[in-house]
N, C-alpha and C. Protein backbone atom coordinates (compact mmCIF):
# COMPACT_ATOMS: atom_id res chain seq x y z
N UNK A 1 67.95 168.59 82.27
CA UNK A 1 68.90 169.26 81.34
C UNK A 1 69.68 168.09 80.70
N UNK A 2 69.88 168.23 79.41
CA UNK A 2 70.70 167.18 78.70
C UNK A 2 72.25 167.54 78.85
N UNK A 3 73.00 166.55 78.45
CA UNK A 3 74.48 166.81 78.57
C UNK A 3 74.93 167.95 77.62
N UNK A 4 74.28 168.06 76.51
CA UNK A 4 74.63 169.17 75.51
C UNK A 4 74.21 170.52 76.09
N UNK A 5 73.01 170.57 76.77
CA UNK A 5 72.59 171.80 77.41
C UNK A 5 73.54 172.19 78.50
N UNK A 6 73.89 171.20 79.32
CA UNK A 6 74.79 171.51 80.39
C UNK A 6 76.11 172.01 79.94
N UNK A 7 76.69 171.40 78.82
CA UNK A 7 77.92 171.87 78.27
C UNK A 7 77.80 173.27 77.76
N UNK A 8 76.67 173.60 77.10
CA UNK A 8 76.44 174.95 76.58
C UNK A 8 76.36 175.99 77.69
N UNK A 9 75.68 175.62 78.78
CA UNK A 9 75.62 176.45 79.96
C UNK A 9 77.00 176.72 80.59
N UNK A 10 77.82 175.63 80.74
CA UNK A 10 79.13 175.76 81.26
C UNK A 10 79.97 176.62 80.35
N UNK A 11 79.90 176.41 79.08
CA UNK A 11 80.64 177.23 78.04
C UNK A 11 80.33 178.71 78.24
N UNK A 12 79.04 179.02 78.41
CA UNK A 12 78.56 180.41 78.59
C UNK A 12 79.19 181.07 79.79
N UNK A 13 79.20 180.33 80.88
CA UNK A 13 79.81 180.79 82.15
C UNK A 13 81.32 181.01 82.01
N UNK A 14 82.01 179.98 81.40
CA UNK A 14 83.43 180.06 81.28
C UNK A 14 83.84 181.26 80.34
N UNK A 15 83.04 181.43 79.32
CA UNK A 15 83.31 182.61 78.35
C UNK A 15 83.09 183.89 79.13
N UNK A 16 82.05 184.01 79.78
CA UNK A 16 81.74 185.27 80.60
C UNK A 16 82.90 185.62 81.51
N UNK A 17 83.31 184.64 82.35
CA UNK A 17 84.40 184.89 83.33
C UNK A 17 85.73 185.19 82.59
N UNK A 18 86.04 184.41 81.58
CA UNK A 18 87.31 184.62 80.91
C UNK A 18 87.41 186.01 80.27
N UNK A 19 86.37 186.42 79.56
CA UNK A 19 86.43 187.69 78.88
C UNK A 19 86.44 188.85 79.91
N UNK A 20 85.59 188.70 80.88
CA UNK A 20 85.63 189.73 81.96
C UNK A 20 87.01 189.90 82.60
N UNK A 21 87.64 188.80 82.97
CA UNK A 21 88.90 188.86 83.55
C UNK A 21 89.98 189.42 82.67
N UNK A 22 90.00 188.93 81.47
CA UNK A 22 91.02 189.32 80.48
C UNK A 22 90.84 190.81 80.09
N UNK A 23 89.61 191.22 79.85
CA UNK A 23 89.38 192.62 79.42
C UNK A 23 89.72 193.58 80.58
N UNK A 24 89.38 193.14 81.83
CA UNK A 24 89.56 194.06 82.88
C UNK A 24 91.03 194.10 83.48
N UNK A 25 91.70 192.87 83.46
CA UNK A 25 93.01 192.83 84.13
C UNK A 25 94.16 192.54 83.15
N UNK A 26 93.99 191.80 82.12
CA UNK A 26 95.08 191.55 81.21
C UNK A 26 95.11 190.08 80.67
N UNK A 27 96.13 189.76 79.84
CA UNK A 27 96.10 188.52 79.13
C UNK A 27 96.11 187.32 80.05
N UNK A 28 95.24 186.43 79.71
CA UNK A 28 95.16 185.14 80.48
C UNK A 28 95.90 184.05 79.67
N UNK A 29 96.87 183.38 80.31
CA UNK A 29 97.58 182.29 79.66
C UNK A 29 96.75 181.00 79.74
N UNK A 30 96.07 180.83 80.92
CA UNK A 30 95.31 179.58 81.11
C UNK A 30 94.26 179.83 82.15
N UNK A 31 93.08 179.19 81.94
CA UNK A 31 92.04 179.24 82.96
C UNK A 31 91.40 177.93 83.10
N UNK A 32 91.24 177.49 84.29
CA UNK A 32 90.63 176.11 84.54
C UNK A 32 89.54 176.17 85.65
N UNK A 33 88.55 175.35 85.55
CA UNK A 33 87.48 175.25 86.51
C UNK A 33 87.43 173.88 86.98
N UNK A 34 87.43 173.66 88.33
CA UNK A 34 87.43 172.35 88.91
C UNK A 34 85.95 171.81 88.91
N UNK A 35 85.87 170.52 88.60
CA UNK A 35 84.58 169.79 88.60
C UNK A 35 84.59 168.69 89.73
N UNK A 36 85.48 168.90 90.72
CA UNK A 36 85.54 167.91 91.82
C UNK A 36 84.23 167.87 92.61
N UNK A 37 84.10 166.76 93.38
CA UNK A 37 82.95 166.60 94.23
C UNK A 37 83.16 167.18 95.61
N UNK A 38 84.48 167.27 96.06
CA UNK A 38 84.80 167.69 97.36
C UNK A 38 84.63 169.19 97.49
N UNK A 39 84.05 169.64 98.67
CA UNK A 39 83.74 171.09 98.89
C UNK A 39 84.95 171.99 98.73
N UNK A 40 86.09 171.51 99.00
CA UNK A 40 87.26 172.40 99.02
C UNK A 40 87.77 172.68 97.59
N UNK A 41 87.32 171.97 96.61
CA UNK A 41 87.73 172.24 95.19
C UNK A 41 86.59 172.52 94.25
N UNK A 42 85.41 172.06 94.51
CA UNK A 42 84.22 172.24 93.54
C UNK A 42 84.07 173.77 93.16
N UNK A 43 84.08 173.93 91.88
CA UNK A 43 83.79 175.26 91.38
C UNK A 43 84.90 176.22 91.43
N UNK A 44 86.09 175.88 91.98
CA UNK A 44 87.26 176.80 92.03
C UNK A 44 87.56 177.10 90.60
N UNK A 45 87.99 178.36 90.39
CA UNK A 45 88.46 178.81 89.08
C UNK A 45 89.91 179.24 89.29
N UNK A 46 90.78 178.67 88.45
CA UNK A 46 92.23 179.00 88.52
C UNK A 46 92.54 179.68 87.24
N UNK A 47 93.16 180.90 87.39
CA UNK A 47 93.53 181.65 86.25
C UNK A 47 95.07 181.99 86.36
N UNK A 48 95.68 181.82 85.25
CA UNK A 48 97.11 182.15 85.16
C UNK A 48 97.24 183.34 84.21
N UNK A 49 97.62 184.40 84.78
CA UNK A 49 97.77 185.71 83.95
C UNK A 49 99.28 185.71 83.43
N UNK A 50 99.41 186.54 82.46
CA UNK A 50 100.72 186.68 81.82
C UNK A 50 101.80 187.29 82.75
N UNK A 51 101.46 188.15 83.64
CA UNK A 51 102.45 188.73 84.54
C UNK A 51 101.99 188.85 86.00
N UNK A 52 102.93 189.02 86.91
CA UNK A 52 102.59 189.07 88.26
C UNK A 52 101.74 190.22 88.69
N UNK A 53 102.07 191.39 88.17
CA UNK A 53 101.35 192.62 88.51
C UNK A 53 99.88 192.45 88.20
N UNK A 54 99.57 191.86 87.09
CA UNK A 54 98.17 191.63 86.66
C UNK A 54 97.47 190.69 87.67
N UNK A 55 98.11 189.65 88.11
CA UNK A 55 97.52 188.67 89.04
C UNK A 55 97.32 189.33 90.41
N UNK A 56 98.27 190.08 90.87
CA UNK A 56 98.10 190.80 92.17
C UNK A 56 97.02 191.80 92.16
N UNK A 57 96.88 192.57 91.01
CA UNK A 57 95.78 193.54 90.94
C UNK A 57 94.42 192.83 90.86
N UNK A 58 94.39 191.69 90.08
CA UNK A 58 93.12 191.03 90.03
C UNK A 58 92.63 190.43 91.32
N UNK A 59 93.61 189.91 92.09
CA UNK A 59 93.34 189.33 93.49
C UNK A 59 92.81 190.48 94.34
N UNK A 60 93.46 191.64 94.38
CA UNK A 60 93.01 192.76 95.23
C UNK A 60 91.60 193.25 94.83
N UNK A 61 91.36 193.39 93.55
CA UNK A 61 90.11 193.95 93.12
C UNK A 61 88.98 192.91 93.17
N UNK A 62 89.27 191.59 92.92
CA UNK A 62 88.25 190.55 92.92
C UNK A 62 87.73 190.27 94.32
N UNK A 63 88.48 190.49 95.30
CA UNK A 63 88.11 190.28 96.65
C UNK A 63 87.04 191.19 97.11
N UNK A 64 86.74 192.28 96.32
CA UNK A 64 85.71 193.26 96.68
C UNK A 64 84.52 193.09 95.74
N UNK A 65 84.43 191.93 95.07
CA UNK A 65 83.38 191.74 94.06
C UNK A 65 82.48 190.47 94.43
N UNK A 66 81.30 190.47 93.79
CA UNK A 66 80.38 189.35 93.95
C UNK A 66 80.14 188.74 92.59
N UNK A 67 79.74 187.46 92.51
CA UNK A 67 79.33 186.82 91.35
C UNK A 67 78.13 186.02 91.67
N UNK A 68 77.09 186.24 90.92
CA UNK A 68 75.82 185.45 91.03
C UNK A 68 75.32 185.51 92.52
N UNK A 69 75.42 186.59 93.17
CA UNK A 69 74.94 186.82 94.49
C UNK A 69 75.88 186.20 95.59
N UNK A 70 77.08 185.81 95.27
CA UNK A 70 78.00 185.27 96.16
C UNK A 70 79.34 186.04 96.23
N UNK A 71 79.98 186.19 97.30
CA UNK A 71 81.26 186.94 97.32
C UNK A 71 82.36 186.08 96.59
N UNK A 72 83.29 186.82 95.97
CA UNK A 72 84.47 186.17 95.35
C UNK A 72 85.56 186.16 96.40
N UNK A 73 86.21 185.03 96.56
CA UNK A 73 87.35 184.94 97.45
C UNK A 73 88.55 184.59 96.58
N UNK A 74 89.41 185.55 96.36
CA UNK A 74 90.53 185.47 95.42
C UNK A 74 91.81 185.38 96.19
N UNK A 75 92.78 184.60 95.78
CA UNK A 75 94.07 184.50 96.40
C UNK A 75 95.13 184.01 95.40
N UNK A 76 96.36 184.37 95.66
CA UNK A 76 97.37 183.79 94.80
C UNK A 76 97.55 182.34 95.20
N UNK A 77 97.86 181.49 94.15
CA UNK A 77 98.00 180.10 94.36
C UNK A 77 99.38 179.58 94.25
N UNK A 78 99.74 178.58 95.04
CA UNK A 78 101.09 177.98 94.88
C UNK A 78 101.18 177.08 93.69
N UNK A 79 100.10 176.84 92.98
CA UNK A 79 100.13 176.01 91.78
C UNK A 79 100.88 176.72 90.70
N UNK A 80 102.00 176.12 90.20
CA UNK A 80 102.75 176.78 89.15
C UNK A 80 102.58 176.18 87.84
N UNK A 81 102.08 174.87 87.82
CA UNK A 81 101.85 174.13 86.58
C UNK A 81 100.53 173.33 86.75
N UNK A 82 99.49 173.78 86.08
CA UNK A 82 98.19 173.20 86.32
C UNK A 82 98.24 171.70 85.88
N UNK A 83 99.01 171.39 84.98
CA UNK A 83 99.13 169.90 84.47
C UNK A 83 99.53 169.03 85.69
N UNK A 84 100.43 169.52 86.55
CA UNK A 84 100.90 168.76 87.67
C UNK A 84 99.85 168.60 88.73
N UNK A 85 98.92 169.58 88.80
CA UNK A 85 97.94 169.60 89.77
C UNK A 85 96.63 168.74 89.41
N UNK A 86 96.61 168.33 88.22
CA UNK A 86 95.46 167.58 87.63
C UNK A 86 95.45 166.02 88.02
N UNK A 87 94.44 165.50 88.29
CA UNK A 87 94.31 164.06 88.56
C UNK A 87 94.35 163.30 87.26
N UNK A 88 95.41 162.54 87.11
CA UNK A 88 95.61 161.70 85.85
C UNK A 88 94.51 160.65 85.75
N UNK A 89 94.21 160.04 86.87
CA UNK A 89 93.14 158.99 86.86
C UNK A 89 91.76 159.62 86.34
N UNK A 90 91.44 160.75 86.77
CA UNK A 90 90.25 161.43 86.39
C UNK A 90 90.20 161.68 84.89
N UNK A 91 91.34 162.15 84.33
CA UNK A 91 91.50 162.36 82.92
C UNK A 91 91.34 161.06 82.10
N UNK A 92 91.59 159.96 82.67
CA UNK A 92 91.41 158.69 82.01
C UNK A 92 90.12 158.04 82.42
N UNK A 93 89.29 158.71 83.23
CA UNK A 93 87.98 158.23 83.62
C UNK A 93 88.01 157.12 84.66
N UNK A 94 89.14 157.07 85.54
CA UNK A 94 89.34 156.09 86.43
C UNK A 94 89.49 156.50 87.93
N UNK A 95 89.26 157.75 88.28
CA UNK A 95 89.50 158.20 89.58
C UNK A 95 88.49 157.63 90.52
N UNK A 96 88.90 156.84 91.59
CA UNK A 96 88.07 156.19 92.47
C UNK A 96 87.94 156.85 93.80
N UNK A 97 88.62 158.07 93.92
CA UNK A 97 88.69 158.79 95.23
C UNK A 97 87.49 159.74 95.39
N UNK A 98 86.73 160.00 94.30
CA UNK A 98 85.61 160.83 94.27
C UNK A 98 85.77 162.15 95.08
N UNK A 99 85.01 162.42 96.07
CA UNK A 99 85.05 163.69 96.84
C UNK A 99 86.37 163.75 97.73
N UNK A 100 87.15 162.70 97.76
CA UNK A 100 88.31 162.68 98.59
C UNK A 100 89.61 162.93 97.76
N UNK A 101 89.47 163.13 96.45
CA UNK A 101 90.64 163.40 95.69
C UNK A 101 91.03 164.88 95.79
N UNK A 102 92.31 165.06 96.03
CA UNK A 102 92.81 166.38 96.21
C UNK A 102 93.52 166.98 94.97
N UNK A 103 93.49 166.20 93.85
CA UNK A 103 93.97 166.71 92.60
C UNK A 103 92.75 167.32 91.83
N UNK A 104 93.09 168.27 90.99
CA UNK A 104 92.01 168.92 90.17
C UNK A 104 91.38 168.10 89.12
N UNK A 105 90.06 167.99 89.18
CA UNK A 105 89.28 167.33 88.15
C UNK A 105 88.75 168.54 87.31
N UNK A 106 89.38 168.73 86.16
CA UNK A 106 89.02 169.95 85.40
C UNK A 106 87.83 169.67 84.48
N UNK A 107 86.90 170.62 84.40
CA UNK A 107 85.69 170.57 83.52
C UNK A 107 86.23 171.10 82.18
N UNK A 108 86.11 170.35 81.14
CA UNK A 108 86.56 170.83 79.92
C UNK A 108 85.54 171.75 79.18
N UNK A 109 86.08 172.72 78.41
CA UNK A 109 85.24 173.48 77.61
C UNK A 109 85.20 172.96 76.20
N UNK A 110 84.20 173.38 75.38
CA UNK A 110 84.15 172.88 74.03
C UNK A 110 85.30 173.30 73.21
N UNK A 111 85.68 172.49 72.21
CA UNK A 111 86.75 172.78 71.28
C UNK A 111 86.58 174.14 70.61
N UNK A 112 85.31 174.49 70.24
CA UNK A 112 85.06 175.68 69.51
C UNK A 112 85.33 176.86 70.48
N UNK A 113 84.96 176.78 71.74
CA UNK A 113 85.12 177.88 72.77
C UNK A 113 86.70 178.02 72.95
N UNK A 114 87.34 176.89 73.14
CA UNK A 114 88.80 177.01 73.28
C UNK A 114 89.51 177.83 72.11
N UNK A 115 89.07 177.48 70.89
CA UNK A 115 89.68 178.19 69.72
C UNK A 115 89.38 179.67 69.78
N UNK A 116 88.11 179.98 70.16
CA UNK A 116 87.56 181.39 70.17
C UNK A 116 88.31 182.13 71.22
N UNK A 117 88.48 181.60 72.45
CA UNK A 117 89.03 182.39 73.57
C UNK A 117 90.57 182.49 73.43
N UNK A 118 91.20 181.36 73.23
CA UNK A 118 92.61 181.35 73.21
C UNK A 118 93.20 181.88 71.85
N UNK A 119 92.41 181.85 70.83
CA UNK A 119 92.73 182.35 69.56
C UNK A 119 92.60 183.85 69.52
N UNK A 120 91.69 184.43 70.34
CA UNK A 120 91.51 185.85 70.31
C UNK A 120 92.70 186.64 70.87
N UNK A 121 93.55 185.97 71.62
CA UNK A 121 94.71 186.63 72.15
C UNK A 121 95.70 187.00 71.18
N UNK A 122 95.82 186.25 70.09
CA UNK A 122 96.80 186.39 69.13
C UNK A 122 96.40 187.54 68.10
N UNK A 123 95.17 187.88 67.99
CA UNK A 123 94.70 188.87 67.07
C UNK A 123 94.97 190.19 67.65
N UNK A 124 95.68 191.03 66.89
CA UNK A 124 95.95 192.44 67.34
C UNK A 124 97.10 192.56 68.40
N UNK A 125 97.71 191.52 68.66
CA UNK A 125 98.80 191.51 69.67
C UNK A 125 100.10 191.53 68.87
N UNK A 126 101.18 192.07 69.52
CA UNK A 126 102.45 192.04 69.01
C UNK A 126 103.07 190.67 69.02
N UNK A 127 103.97 190.37 68.16
CA UNK A 127 104.62 189.06 68.24
C UNK A 127 105.41 188.96 69.46
N UNK A 128 105.57 187.75 69.94
CA UNK A 128 106.48 187.47 71.20
C UNK A 128 107.83 187.49 70.84
N UNK A 129 108.18 187.67 69.59
CA UNK A 129 109.61 187.70 69.17
C UNK A 129 110.30 188.89 69.81
N UNK A 130 111.58 188.72 70.06
CA UNK A 130 112.30 189.84 70.59
C UNK A 130 113.03 190.72 69.55
N UNK A 131 112.96 190.29 68.29
CA UNK A 131 113.61 191.09 67.28
C UNK A 131 112.71 192.29 66.86
N UNK A 132 113.32 193.48 66.58
CA UNK A 132 112.52 194.67 66.32
C UNK A 132 111.48 194.50 65.22
N UNK A 133 111.80 193.73 64.16
CA UNK A 133 110.92 193.64 62.98
C UNK A 133 109.86 192.56 63.18
N UNK A 134 109.87 191.86 64.35
CA UNK A 134 108.86 190.85 64.50
C UNK A 134 109.23 189.47 64.13
N UNK A 135 110.40 189.34 63.48
CA UNK A 135 110.78 188.02 63.02
C UNK A 135 111.74 187.38 64.02
N UNK A 136 111.63 186.10 64.16
CA UNK A 136 112.55 185.41 65.08
C UNK A 136 113.93 185.24 64.42
N UNK A 137 114.86 185.47 65.21
CA UNK A 137 116.32 185.26 64.71
C UNK A 137 116.91 184.22 65.64
N UNK A 138 117.71 183.46 65.08
CA UNK A 138 118.50 182.48 65.82
C UNK A 138 119.87 183.02 66.16
N UNK A 139 120.17 183.11 67.34
CA UNK A 139 121.44 183.61 67.87
C UNK A 139 122.16 182.52 68.67
N UNK A 140 123.39 182.34 68.38
CA UNK A 140 124.20 181.32 69.17
C UNK A 140 124.56 181.95 70.47
N UNK A 141 124.39 181.24 71.52
CA UNK A 141 124.78 181.75 72.87
C UNK A 141 126.29 181.49 73.03
N UNK A 142 126.93 182.44 73.65
CA UNK A 142 128.33 182.25 73.95
C UNK A 142 128.62 181.52 75.29
N UNK A 143 127.64 181.62 76.17
CA UNK A 143 127.66 180.90 77.41
C UNK A 143 126.67 179.73 77.37
N UNK A 144 126.75 178.97 78.41
CA UNK A 144 125.83 177.83 78.54
C UNK A 144 124.44 178.31 78.74
N UNK A 145 123.41 177.63 78.29
CA UNK A 145 122.04 178.14 78.52
C UNK A 145 121.71 178.15 79.95
N UNK A 146 121.04 179.17 80.31
CA UNK A 146 120.55 179.30 81.76
C UNK A 146 119.11 178.75 81.91
N UNK A 147 118.88 178.20 83.11
CA UNK A 147 117.49 177.75 83.39
C UNK A 147 116.84 178.95 84.01
N UNK A 148 115.64 179.24 83.55
CA UNK A 148 114.88 180.37 84.10
C UNK A 148 113.87 179.77 85.09
N UNK A 149 113.84 180.38 86.27
CA UNK A 149 112.99 179.95 87.31
C UNK A 149 111.52 180.48 86.96
N UNK A 150 110.55 179.56 87.14
CA UNK A 150 109.19 179.98 86.86
C UNK A 150 108.73 180.98 87.79
N UNK A 151 108.07 182.04 87.35
CA UNK A 151 107.52 183.07 88.20
C UNK A 151 106.00 182.95 88.20
N UNK A 152 105.46 181.78 87.79
CA UNK A 152 104.00 181.66 87.71
C UNK A 152 103.41 181.58 89.08
N UNK A 153 104.16 181.34 90.17
CA UNK A 153 103.56 181.36 91.55
C UNK A 153 102.82 182.65 91.81
N UNK A 154 103.52 183.76 91.34
CA UNK A 154 102.92 185.00 91.55
C UNK A 154 101.88 185.33 90.53
N UNK A 155 101.87 184.62 89.40
CA UNK A 155 100.99 184.94 88.35
C UNK A 155 99.65 184.16 88.48
N UNK A 156 99.70 183.04 89.08
CA UNK A 156 98.47 182.16 89.16
C UNK A 156 97.58 182.69 90.26
N UNK A 157 96.31 182.71 90.03
CA UNK A 157 95.34 183.08 91.02
C UNK A 157 94.21 182.16 91.10
N UNK A 158 93.72 181.93 92.26
CA UNK A 158 92.56 181.03 92.44
C UNK A 158 91.43 181.95 92.71
N UNK A 159 90.36 181.82 92.02
CA UNK A 159 89.27 182.68 92.11
C UNK A 159 87.93 181.99 92.30
């Protein structure tokens, strides 16, 4: 199998999983698949859903499913920011830890597939704006800005 064929095969797998999860459970903010050599990370699929309820329902339902003749083991993940969990050395092509690296080595999808999957979320969806007519408005805050705690702990799932 050539590198091009391998990428096409991976893109087909990624697209199948992404669309199945998004259509069945709800909007996906991010999905990553590990390409690590170590048994504890290889092939892990990490999905960050838009809200906690979606992630919880997906975990409950996915634990009763199979993929390609193998059971799916789903759980909520403590990873709140995938960028922080990625191996910087791997991204630069310099990771020397191979199977012993405990950071995620992400398998990239093609640029075209990224546009297709993440671009499809914006079609037919309401604006994320809070104004009733869909336009953003600048309002001055009377108090100091508050920091919002990330709730992605409950939204991220490892599948």
